[in-house]
Every structure is written in C-alpha cells, then in structure tokens.
N, C-alpha and C. Protein backbone atom coordinates (compact mmCIF):
# COMPACT_ATOMS: atom_id res chain seq x y z
N MET A 1 -15.24 40.51 1.82
CA MET A 1 -15.69 41.86 1.56
C MET A 1 -14.50 42.69 1.09
N ASN A 2 -14.68 43.45 0.06
CA ASN A 2 -13.61 44.27 -0.49
C ASN A 2 -13.33 45.48 0.39
N SER A 3 -12.10 45.89 0.42
CA SER A 3 -11.70 47.09 1.13
C SER A 3 -12.13 48.29 0.30
N PRO A 4 -12.32 49.45 0.96
CA PRO A 4 -12.69 50.64 0.20
C PRO A 4 -11.69 50.91 -0.91
N GLY A 5 -12.22 51.14 -2.11
CA GLY A 5 -11.36 51.49 -3.23
C GLY A 5 -10.68 50.33 -3.91
N SER A 6 -10.84 49.09 -3.40
CA SER A 6 -10.09 47.98 -3.99
C SER A 6 -10.52 47.67 -5.42
N ASP A 7 -11.78 47.97 -5.75
CA ASP A 7 -12.25 47.66 -7.10
C ASP A 7 -11.68 48.59 -8.16
N ASP A 8 -11.27 49.80 -7.76
CA ASP A 8 -10.77 50.73 -8.77
C ASP A 8 -9.26 50.89 -8.74
N GLN A 9 -8.58 50.14 -7.90
CA GLN A 9 -7.12 50.18 -7.90
C GLN A 9 -6.60 49.24 -8.98
N HIS A 10 -5.60 49.68 -9.69
CA HIS A 10 -5.04 48.91 -10.80
C HIS A 10 -3.89 48.04 -10.27
N PHE A 11 -4.23 46.80 -9.97
CA PHE A 11 -3.31 45.87 -9.32
C PHE A 11 -2.62 44.91 -10.28
N TYR A 12 -3.19 44.63 -11.46
CA TYR A 12 -2.75 43.50 -12.28
C TYR A 12 -2.23 43.96 -13.63
N ASN A 13 -0.98 43.61 -13.90
CA ASN A 13 -0.33 44.03 -15.13
C ASN A 13 -0.85 43.25 -16.33
N SER A 14 -0.78 43.91 -17.45
CA SER A 14 -1.25 43.33 -18.71
C SER A 14 -0.50 42.04 -19.07
N ARG A 15 0.71 41.85 -18.57
CA ARG A 15 1.48 40.63 -18.88
C ARG A 15 0.70 39.38 -18.47
N ILE A 16 -0.03 39.47 -17.38
CA ILE A 16 -0.82 38.33 -16.91
C ILE A 16 -1.85 37.95 -17.97
N PHE A 17 -2.57 38.94 -18.46
CA PHE A 17 -3.65 38.68 -19.41
C PHE A 17 -3.10 38.34 -20.79
N ASN A 18 -1.92 38.85 -21.11
CA ASN A 18 -1.28 38.50 -22.37
C ASN A 18 -0.93 37.01 -22.38
N THR A 19 -0.48 36.50 -21.25
CA THR A 19 -0.21 35.06 -21.16
C THR A 19 -1.49 34.25 -21.36
N TYR A 20 -2.58 34.70 -20.75
CA TYR A 20 -3.87 34.04 -20.97
C TYR A 20 -4.22 34.04 -22.45
N LEU A 21 -4.06 35.18 -23.12
CA LEU A 21 -4.42 35.26 -24.54
C LEU A 21 -3.56 34.34 -25.40
N LYS A 22 -2.28 34.23 -25.07
CA LYS A 22 -1.42 33.30 -25.81
C LYS A 22 -1.87 31.86 -25.61
N LEU A 23 -2.25 31.53 -24.39
CA LEU A 23 -2.78 30.19 -24.11
C LEU A 23 -4.06 29.96 -24.91
N ILE A 24 -4.93 30.92 -24.92
CA ILE A 24 -6.20 30.80 -25.65
C ILE A 24 -5.94 30.56 -27.13
N ARG A 25 -5.02 31.34 -27.71
CA ARG A 25 -4.73 31.17 -29.14
C ARG A 25 -4.23 29.76 -29.45
N GLU A 26 -3.42 29.21 -28.53
CA GLU A 26 -2.84 27.89 -28.80
C GLU A 26 -3.78 26.73 -28.46
N ARG A 27 -4.44 26.80 -27.33
CA ARG A 27 -5.20 25.63 -26.85
C ARG A 27 -6.72 25.78 -26.91
N TYR A 28 -7.20 27.00 -27.06
CA TYR A 28 -8.64 27.25 -27.11
C TYR A 28 -8.96 28.19 -28.27
N PRO A 29 -8.59 27.81 -29.50
CA PRO A 29 -8.73 28.74 -30.63
C PRO A 29 -10.18 29.09 -30.97
N TYR A 30 -11.13 28.36 -30.42
CA TYR A 30 -12.54 28.64 -30.69
C TYR A 30 -13.05 29.84 -29.87
N ILE A 31 -12.26 30.33 -28.93
CA ILE A 31 -12.68 31.46 -28.09
C ILE A 31 -12.38 32.77 -28.81
N ASN A 32 -13.36 33.64 -28.82
CA ASN A 32 -13.23 34.95 -29.43
C ASN A 32 -12.58 35.88 -28.39
N SER A 33 -11.30 36.12 -28.56
CA SER A 33 -10.54 36.94 -27.60
C SER A 33 -11.07 38.36 -27.52
N ALA A 34 -11.48 38.92 -28.65
CA ALA A 34 -12.00 40.30 -28.66
C ALA A 34 -13.25 40.40 -27.79
N GLU A 35 -14.12 39.40 -27.89
CA GLU A 35 -15.34 39.40 -27.07
C GLU A 35 -15.00 39.24 -25.60
N LEU A 36 -14.05 38.35 -25.31
CA LEU A 36 -13.62 38.14 -23.93
C LEU A 36 -13.07 39.43 -23.32
N LEU A 37 -12.20 40.10 -24.05
CA LEU A 37 -11.64 41.36 -23.57
C LEU A 37 -12.71 42.43 -23.40
N SER A 38 -13.60 42.52 -24.35
CA SER A 38 -14.68 43.51 -24.28
C SER A 38 -15.54 43.27 -23.04
N HIS A 39 -15.84 42.02 -22.76
CA HIS A 39 -16.64 41.66 -21.58
C HIS A 39 -15.98 42.18 -20.30
N ALA A 40 -14.65 42.18 -20.26
CA ALA A 40 -13.91 42.60 -19.07
C ALA A 40 -13.55 44.09 -19.09
N GLY A 41 -13.98 44.80 -20.12
CA GLY A 41 -13.64 46.22 -20.21
C GLY A 41 -12.18 46.45 -20.55
N MET A 42 -11.62 45.53 -21.32
CA MET A 42 -10.21 45.59 -21.73
C MET A 42 -10.14 45.74 -23.24
N GLU A 43 -9.04 46.32 -23.69
CA GLU A 43 -8.77 46.44 -25.12
C GLU A 43 -7.48 45.68 -25.42
N LEU A 44 -7.36 45.13 -26.62
CA LEU A 44 -6.16 44.38 -27.00
C LEU A 44 -4.90 45.24 -26.88
N TYR A 45 -4.97 46.50 -27.30
CA TYR A 45 -3.77 47.35 -27.21
C TYR A 45 -3.34 47.53 -25.75
N GLN A 46 -4.29 47.49 -24.81
CA GLN A 46 -3.93 47.60 -23.39
C GLN A 46 -3.21 46.34 -22.91
N VAL A 47 -3.72 45.19 -23.35
CA VAL A 47 -3.10 43.92 -22.95
C VAL A 47 -1.70 43.81 -23.55
N GLU A 48 -1.50 44.32 -24.73
CA GLU A 48 -0.19 44.27 -25.38
C GLU A 48 0.79 45.30 -24.83
N ASP A 49 0.30 46.28 -24.09
CA ASP A 49 1.13 47.32 -23.49
C ASP A 49 1.59 46.86 -22.11
N GLU A 50 2.88 46.52 -21.98
CA GLU A 50 3.40 45.98 -20.72
C GLU A 50 3.36 46.98 -19.57
N GLY A 51 3.04 48.22 -19.86
CA GLY A 51 2.93 49.23 -18.82
C GLY A 51 1.51 49.45 -18.34
N HIS A 52 0.57 48.66 -18.87
CA HIS A 52 -0.84 48.86 -18.51
C HIS A 52 -1.24 47.96 -17.34
N TRP A 53 -2.09 48.49 -16.47
CA TRP A 53 -2.54 47.77 -15.28
C TRP A 53 -4.06 47.74 -15.26
N PHE A 54 -4.61 46.62 -14.75
CA PHE A 54 -6.06 46.42 -14.70
C PHE A 54 -6.54 46.30 -13.25
N THR A 55 -7.83 46.51 -13.08
CA THR A 55 -8.44 46.46 -11.75
C THR A 55 -8.85 45.03 -11.39
N GLN A 56 -9.19 44.85 -10.13
CA GLN A 56 -9.70 43.56 -9.67
C GLN A 56 -10.99 43.22 -10.40
N GLU A 57 -11.86 44.22 -10.58
CA GLU A 57 -13.12 43.98 -11.28
C GLU A 57 -12.87 43.48 -12.71
N GLN A 58 -11.96 44.11 -13.42
CA GLN A 58 -11.64 43.67 -14.79
C GLN A 58 -11.07 42.26 -14.78
N ALA A 59 -10.17 41.98 -13.83
CA ALA A 59 -9.58 40.64 -13.73
C ALA A 59 -10.67 39.61 -13.47
N ASP A 60 -11.58 39.93 -12.57
CA ASP A 60 -12.67 38.99 -12.25
C ASP A 60 -13.58 38.74 -13.45
N LEU A 61 -13.94 39.81 -14.14
CA LEU A 61 -14.80 39.65 -15.32
C LEU A 61 -14.12 38.81 -16.40
N PHE A 62 -12.84 39.06 -16.62
CA PHE A 62 -12.06 38.30 -17.60
C PHE A 62 -12.07 36.82 -17.21
N TYR A 63 -11.70 36.53 -15.97
CA TYR A 63 -11.60 35.14 -15.52
C TYR A 63 -12.95 34.44 -15.55
N GLU A 64 -13.98 35.08 -15.03
CA GLU A 64 -15.31 34.44 -14.97
C GLU A 64 -15.81 34.09 -16.37
N ARG A 65 -15.61 34.99 -17.32
CA ARG A 65 -16.03 34.73 -18.71
C ARG A 65 -15.19 33.62 -19.32
N LEU A 66 -13.88 33.64 -19.08
CA LEU A 66 -13.00 32.61 -19.62
C LEU A 66 -13.34 31.25 -19.03
N LEU A 67 -13.65 31.21 -17.77
CA LEU A 67 -14.05 29.96 -17.11
C LEU A 67 -15.31 29.40 -17.78
N THR A 68 -16.26 30.28 -18.05
CA THR A 68 -17.49 29.86 -18.73
C THR A 68 -17.20 29.35 -20.14
N LEU A 69 -16.36 30.06 -20.87
CA LEU A 69 -16.07 29.70 -22.26
C LEU A 69 -15.27 28.40 -22.38
N THR A 70 -14.37 28.17 -21.45
CA THR A 70 -13.54 26.95 -21.54
C THR A 70 -14.14 25.78 -20.79
N GLY A 71 -14.91 26.05 -19.74
CA GLY A 71 -15.41 24.99 -18.88
C GLY A 71 -14.30 24.33 -18.09
N ASN A 72 -13.14 24.95 -18.04
CA ASN A 72 -11.97 24.37 -17.39
C ASN A 72 -11.77 25.02 -16.03
N PRO A 73 -12.07 24.32 -14.93
CA PRO A 73 -11.89 24.91 -13.60
C PRO A 73 -10.43 25.16 -13.23
N ASN A 74 -9.50 24.62 -14.01
CA ASN A 74 -8.07 24.80 -13.75
C ASN A 74 -7.43 25.79 -14.73
N ILE A 75 -8.24 26.61 -15.38
CA ILE A 75 -7.71 27.49 -16.42
C ILE A 75 -6.70 28.50 -15.88
N ALA A 76 -6.87 28.98 -14.66
CA ALA A 76 -5.93 29.96 -14.11
C ALA A 76 -4.56 29.34 -13.91
N ARG A 77 -4.52 28.15 -13.36
CA ARG A 77 -3.22 27.50 -13.16
C ARG A 77 -2.61 27.10 -14.50
N GLU A 78 -3.46 26.64 -15.42
CA GLU A 78 -2.95 26.29 -16.75
C GLU A 78 -2.30 27.50 -17.41
N ALA A 79 -2.91 28.67 -17.26
CA ALA A 79 -2.34 29.88 -17.85
C ALA A 79 -1.01 30.22 -17.20
N GLY A 80 -0.91 30.06 -15.89
CA GLY A 80 0.36 30.29 -15.23
C GLY A 80 1.44 29.34 -15.73
N ARG A 81 1.08 28.07 -15.86
CA ARG A 81 2.03 27.08 -16.36
C ARG A 81 2.43 27.36 -17.80
N PHE A 82 1.51 27.92 -18.57
CA PHE A 82 1.79 28.21 -19.97
C PHE A 82 2.93 29.22 -20.11
N ALA A 83 3.19 29.97 -19.04
CA ALA A 83 4.29 30.94 -19.07
C ALA A 83 5.62 30.27 -19.36
N ALA A 84 5.74 28.96 -19.16
CA ALA A 84 6.99 28.24 -19.43
C ALA A 84 7.15 27.86 -20.90
N SER A 85 6.10 28.00 -21.68
CA SER A 85 6.20 27.59 -23.07
C SER A 85 7.08 28.56 -23.85
N PRO A 86 7.83 28.06 -24.83
CA PRO A 86 8.68 28.95 -25.63
C PRO A 86 7.90 30.09 -26.27
N ASP A 87 6.65 29.84 -26.66
CA ASP A 87 5.85 30.90 -27.26
C ASP A 87 5.55 32.01 -26.28
N SER A 88 5.52 31.67 -25.02
CA SER A 88 5.18 32.66 -24.01
C SER A 88 6.39 33.44 -23.51
N ILE A 89 7.46 32.74 -23.16
CA ILE A 89 8.60 33.44 -22.55
C ILE A 89 9.65 33.87 -23.56
N GLY A 90 9.61 33.34 -24.72
CA GLY A 90 10.59 33.73 -25.73
C GLY A 90 11.86 32.92 -25.62
N VAL A 91 12.52 32.78 -26.72
CA VAL A 91 13.71 31.95 -26.80
C VAL A 91 14.84 32.53 -25.95
N MET A 92 15.05 33.85 -25.97
CA MET A 92 16.15 34.45 -25.22
C MET A 92 15.97 34.24 -23.72
N ARG A 93 14.78 34.48 -23.20
CA ARG A 93 14.55 34.27 -21.77
C ARG A 93 14.75 32.82 -21.40
N GLN A 94 14.28 31.92 -22.25
CA GLN A 94 14.45 30.50 -21.98
C GLN A 94 15.94 30.15 -21.95
N TYR A 95 16.71 30.73 -22.85
CA TYR A 95 18.15 30.50 -22.89
C TYR A 95 18.80 31.00 -21.59
N ILE A 96 18.42 32.20 -21.17
CA ILE A 96 18.98 32.76 -19.94
C ILE A 96 18.62 31.88 -18.75
N LEU A 97 17.36 31.47 -18.68
CA LEU A 97 16.93 30.61 -17.56
C LEU A 97 17.67 29.29 -17.54
N SER A 98 18.12 28.83 -18.70
CA SER A 98 18.83 27.55 -18.74
C SER A 98 20.21 27.64 -18.10
N HIS A 99 20.63 28.86 -17.77
CA HIS A 99 21.95 29.05 -17.17
C HIS A 99 21.90 29.32 -15.66
N VAL A 100 20.76 29.12 -15.05
CA VAL A 100 20.64 29.24 -13.60
C VAL A 100 20.01 27.98 -13.06
N ASP A 101 20.14 27.77 -11.75
CA ASP A 101 19.50 26.61 -11.14
C ASP A 101 18.07 26.98 -10.74
N PRO A 102 17.24 25.96 -10.45
CA PRO A 102 15.84 26.25 -10.11
C PRO A 102 15.67 27.20 -8.92
N ALA A 103 16.50 27.04 -7.87
CA ALA A 103 16.36 27.91 -6.70
C ALA A 103 16.58 29.37 -7.08
N THR A 104 17.54 29.63 -7.92
CA THR A 104 17.81 31.00 -8.37
C THR A 104 16.65 31.50 -9.23
N ALA A 105 16.11 30.64 -10.06
CA ALA A 105 14.97 31.03 -10.89
C ALA A 105 13.77 31.42 -10.02
N TYR A 106 13.51 30.68 -8.95
CA TYR A 106 12.42 31.03 -8.04
C TYR A 106 12.68 32.37 -7.36
N GLN A 107 13.92 32.63 -7.01
CA GLN A 107 14.26 33.92 -6.41
C GLN A 107 14.03 35.04 -7.41
N ILE A 108 14.33 34.80 -8.68
CA ILE A 108 14.09 35.79 -9.72
C ILE A 108 12.60 36.07 -9.83
N ILE A 109 11.78 35.02 -9.72
CA ILE A 109 10.32 35.19 -9.75
C ILE A 109 9.89 36.14 -8.65
N GLY A 110 10.44 35.96 -7.46
CA GLY A 110 10.10 36.84 -6.34
C GLY A 110 10.44 38.30 -6.65
N ARG A 111 11.60 38.53 -7.22
CA ARG A 111 12.02 39.90 -7.54
C ARG A 111 11.21 40.47 -8.71
N ALA A 112 10.76 39.61 -9.61
CA ALA A 112 10.02 40.07 -10.79
C ALA A 112 8.54 40.29 -10.51
N SER A 113 8.05 39.77 -9.42
CA SER A 113 6.62 39.84 -9.10
C SER A 113 6.01 41.23 -9.21
N PRO A 114 6.68 42.29 -8.75
CA PRO A 114 6.07 43.63 -8.88
C PRO A 114 5.82 44.06 -10.33
N ASN A 115 6.44 43.38 -11.29
CA ASN A 115 6.16 43.67 -12.70
C ASN A 115 4.85 43.05 -13.17
N PHE A 116 4.26 42.19 -12.33
CA PHE A 116 3.03 41.49 -12.69
C PHE A 116 1.84 41.89 -11.81
N THR A 117 2.11 42.13 -10.54
CA THR A 117 1.01 42.43 -9.63
C THR A 117 1.43 43.40 -8.54
N ARG A 118 0.50 44.27 -8.21
CA ARG A 118 0.67 45.20 -7.09
C ARG A 118 -0.21 44.77 -5.93
N SER A 119 -0.90 43.65 -6.08
CA SER A 119 -1.86 43.20 -5.08
C SER A 119 -1.22 42.43 -3.94
N SER A 120 0.00 42.00 -4.14
CA SER A 120 0.68 41.22 -3.10
C SER A 120 2.18 41.41 -3.20
N LEU A 121 2.81 41.15 -2.09
CA LEU A 121 4.26 41.18 -2.04
C LEU A 121 4.72 39.73 -2.05
N VAL A 122 5.49 39.37 -3.06
CA VAL A 122 5.98 37.99 -3.18
C VAL A 122 7.46 38.00 -2.84
N GLU A 123 7.81 37.19 -1.86
CA GLU A 123 9.20 37.09 -1.43
C GLU A 123 9.66 35.66 -1.58
N ALA A 124 10.86 35.49 -2.09
CA ALA A 124 11.45 34.16 -2.25
C ALA A 124 12.80 34.18 -1.56
N SER A 125 13.03 33.19 -0.71
CA SER A 125 14.33 33.11 -0.05
C SER A 125 14.79 31.66 -0.05
N ARG A 126 16.06 31.50 -0.29
CA ARG A 126 16.66 30.17 -0.29
C ARG A 126 16.77 29.71 1.16
N ILE A 127 16.22 28.52 1.45
CA ILE A 127 16.29 28.00 2.81
C ILE A 127 17.13 26.73 2.90
N GLY A 128 17.62 26.29 1.77
CA GLY A 128 18.48 25.12 1.72
C GLY A 128 19.12 25.04 0.35
N ARG A 129 19.99 24.06 0.19
CA ARG A 129 20.68 23.91 -1.09
C ARG A 129 19.69 23.75 -2.24
N ASN A 130 18.62 22.98 -2.02
CA ASN A 130 17.61 22.73 -3.05
C ASN A 130 16.23 23.18 -2.63
N SER A 131 16.16 24.17 -1.76
CA SER A 131 14.86 24.60 -1.23
C SER A 131 14.73 26.12 -1.25
N VAL A 132 13.54 26.55 -1.63
CA VAL A 132 13.22 27.97 -1.62
C VAL A 132 11.86 28.12 -0.97
N GLU A 133 11.74 29.11 -0.11
CA GLU A 133 10.44 29.42 0.50
C GLU A 133 9.88 30.63 -0.22
N ILE A 134 8.62 30.52 -0.66
CA ILE A 134 7.97 31.62 -1.36
C ILE A 134 6.75 32.01 -0.55
N THR A 135 6.66 33.30 -0.26
CA THR A 135 5.56 33.83 0.52
C THR A 135 4.90 34.95 -0.26
N ALA A 136 3.58 34.88 -0.39
CA ALA A 136 2.82 35.95 -1.03
C ALA A 136 1.91 36.56 0.03
N THR A 137 2.09 37.85 0.26
CA THR A 137 1.32 38.57 1.27
C THR A 137 0.50 39.66 0.59
N PRO A 138 -0.82 39.62 0.74
CA PRO A 138 -1.65 40.66 0.12
C PRO A 138 -1.31 42.04 0.68
N VAL A 139 -1.37 43.04 -0.15
CA VAL A 139 -1.15 44.41 0.29
C VAL A 139 -2.48 44.99 0.77
N GLU A 140 -2.39 46.03 1.56
CA GLU A 140 -3.60 46.68 2.06
C GLU A 140 -4.44 47.19 0.89
N GLY A 141 -5.72 46.91 0.94
CA GLY A 141 -6.63 47.34 -0.11
C GLY A 141 -6.85 46.31 -1.21
N ALA A 142 -6.11 45.23 -1.15
CA ALA A 142 -6.26 44.17 -2.17
C ALA A 142 -6.93 42.96 -1.56
N GLU A 143 -7.75 42.33 -2.35
CA GLU A 143 -8.39 41.09 -1.93
C GLU A 143 -8.40 40.14 -3.12
N GLU A 144 -7.31 39.37 -3.23
CA GLU A 144 -7.21 38.44 -4.34
C GLU A 144 -8.20 37.29 -4.19
N LYS A 145 -8.54 36.74 -5.33
CA LYS A 145 -9.46 35.60 -5.38
C LYS A 145 -8.65 34.32 -5.50
N ALA A 146 -9.30 33.21 -5.25
CA ALA A 146 -8.62 31.90 -5.31
C ALA A 146 -7.99 31.65 -6.68
N TYR A 147 -8.66 32.06 -7.75
CA TYR A 147 -8.10 31.83 -9.09
C TYR A 147 -6.79 32.57 -9.27
N GLN A 148 -6.61 33.71 -8.60
CA GLN A 148 -5.37 34.45 -8.74
C GLN A 148 -4.23 33.74 -8.01
N CYS A 149 -4.55 33.11 -6.90
CA CYS A 149 -3.54 32.28 -6.22
C CYS A 149 -3.18 31.09 -7.09
N GLU A 150 -4.17 30.49 -7.73
CA GLU A 150 -3.91 29.36 -8.63
C GLU A 150 -3.05 29.78 -9.80
N ASN A 151 -3.30 30.97 -10.33
CA ASN A 151 -2.49 31.47 -11.43
C ASN A 151 -1.05 31.67 -10.98
N ARG A 152 -0.87 32.20 -9.78
CA ARG A 152 0.49 32.38 -9.24
C ARG A 152 1.17 31.03 -9.06
N LEU A 153 0.43 30.04 -8.56
CA LEU A 153 1.00 28.69 -8.44
C LEU A 153 1.39 28.14 -9.81
N GLY A 154 0.61 28.45 -10.82
CA GLY A 154 0.96 28.04 -12.17
C GLY A 154 2.26 28.65 -12.64
N TYR A 155 2.48 29.92 -12.32
CA TYR A 155 3.76 30.56 -12.66
C TYR A 155 4.91 29.87 -11.94
N LEU A 156 4.69 29.49 -10.69
CA LEU A 156 5.74 28.78 -9.95
C LEU A 156 5.96 27.40 -10.57
N ASP A 157 4.87 26.73 -10.96
CA ASP A 157 5.00 25.46 -11.68
C ASP A 157 5.82 25.65 -12.95
N ALA A 158 5.63 26.79 -13.61
CA ALA A 158 6.32 27.05 -14.88
C ALA A 158 7.84 27.00 -14.70
N VAL A 159 8.33 27.42 -13.55
CA VAL A 159 9.77 27.34 -13.31
C VAL A 159 10.21 25.89 -13.36
N SER A 160 9.45 25.02 -12.71
CA SER A 160 9.79 23.59 -12.74
C SER A 160 9.73 23.04 -14.16
N LEU A 161 8.75 23.50 -14.92
CA LEU A 161 8.63 23.04 -16.31
C LEU A 161 9.83 23.46 -17.15
N VAL A 162 10.33 24.66 -16.93
CA VAL A 162 11.50 25.12 -17.67
C VAL A 162 12.67 24.17 -17.42
N PHE A 163 12.75 23.64 -16.19
CA PHE A 163 13.85 22.75 -15.83
C PHE A 163 13.49 21.28 -16.04
N LYS A 164 12.37 21.04 -16.72
CA LYS A 164 11.95 19.69 -17.10
C LYS A 164 11.60 18.79 -15.91
N TYR A 165 11.16 19.39 -14.80
CA TYR A 165 10.72 18.59 -13.67
C TYR A 165 9.27 18.21 -13.87
N ARG A 166 8.90 17.03 -13.38
CA ARG A 166 7.54 16.55 -13.50
C ARG A 166 6.65 17.25 -12.48
N LEU A 167 5.46 17.62 -12.88
CA LEU A 167 4.52 18.31 -12.01
C LEU A 167 3.34 17.42 -11.68
N PRO A 168 2.67 17.72 -10.57
CA PRO A 168 1.45 16.97 -10.28
C PRO A 168 0.38 17.32 -11.30
N VAL A 169 -0.50 16.40 -11.58
CA VAL A 169 -1.62 16.63 -12.49
C VAL A 169 -2.64 17.46 -11.74
N ILE A 170 -3.16 18.50 -12.41
CA ILE A 170 -4.20 19.32 -11.77
C ILE A 170 -5.56 19.00 -12.32
C-alpha cells in the first residue's frame, strides 16, 4: 500500500529513463519511444533534462508499457546494465572509471545515487580489500517496486561490466 502522497512525489530522475531510451534505440528499435513516453505522461524534453524528476506513477506506467512492448521480464536489469555501454556513459566517464578500482567505483555509485533517485538512500562502504557493502534503504513516503530494485542491481552490474568482469546470466 502506498504512503500518503507517494504517487505525486517526484522520486526518479530523468537520467534513469534516458538510459532506458538509449537501450531501446539500440536493442529494441521497433518500439515507438514517443508513444511509450506519452503513455507514462512524459515528454522527450523532460527525459533529456537531467534536472527533471518523475513520479512513481509515471515510472510504473513507463515500465509496465515497456515490459508489454518488449516481452522481456528482465528489461529493468538490462537497462541498468546498459549504463556500462560507451553509448550510455560516454567516452570521458569510461576513461575516468578506468583509473579507479571496482571498490572505489561502487563507492562512487553510492555517492552519485541522489542524482538518480530520491526514493532511497544508497550507501556503499568498503568492508575489505576487494569487498564493498551496498545498502539501499527506502525513504519515508516511497514504495519502490521490484523492477526498480532490479534496475538498481543492473547499475551495480554495470560497474562490473566496465571492469570486464563476467556477470551471471539473467
């Protein structure tokens, strides 16, 4: 059950949906992005504006329609993983990431999380030489769905992909 006001709070940054759109253009070119955005009450200029935030309802409508259009139950995680592609993160960011170790990159993800979502607090702490603990805690008034957790896991997978580590098949 949603908390009062959770449907109209703007929790999700446009960067999330921009990554989805980049994935769609590359791997699902038959999908009409304009129709998908319209279904979710989103406009392309909003998705391209890194300062724009969307509601849980808009995120749900976007995801549910995309799930129907692709038939891919793993689309949220795939979109998160797509963040590691050069087309998604850009050559400069990829170059910068190549100069840190994976544990540091995961810590950066934790610090960068507020640029993507206001629905949870993501903390990353190094617990060993090659280990990082990542905790995502929902904020009051937010009720994330399973697909949003999968998308976050995909972003974490993306760090491993940047460093050329093998991932489990989803």
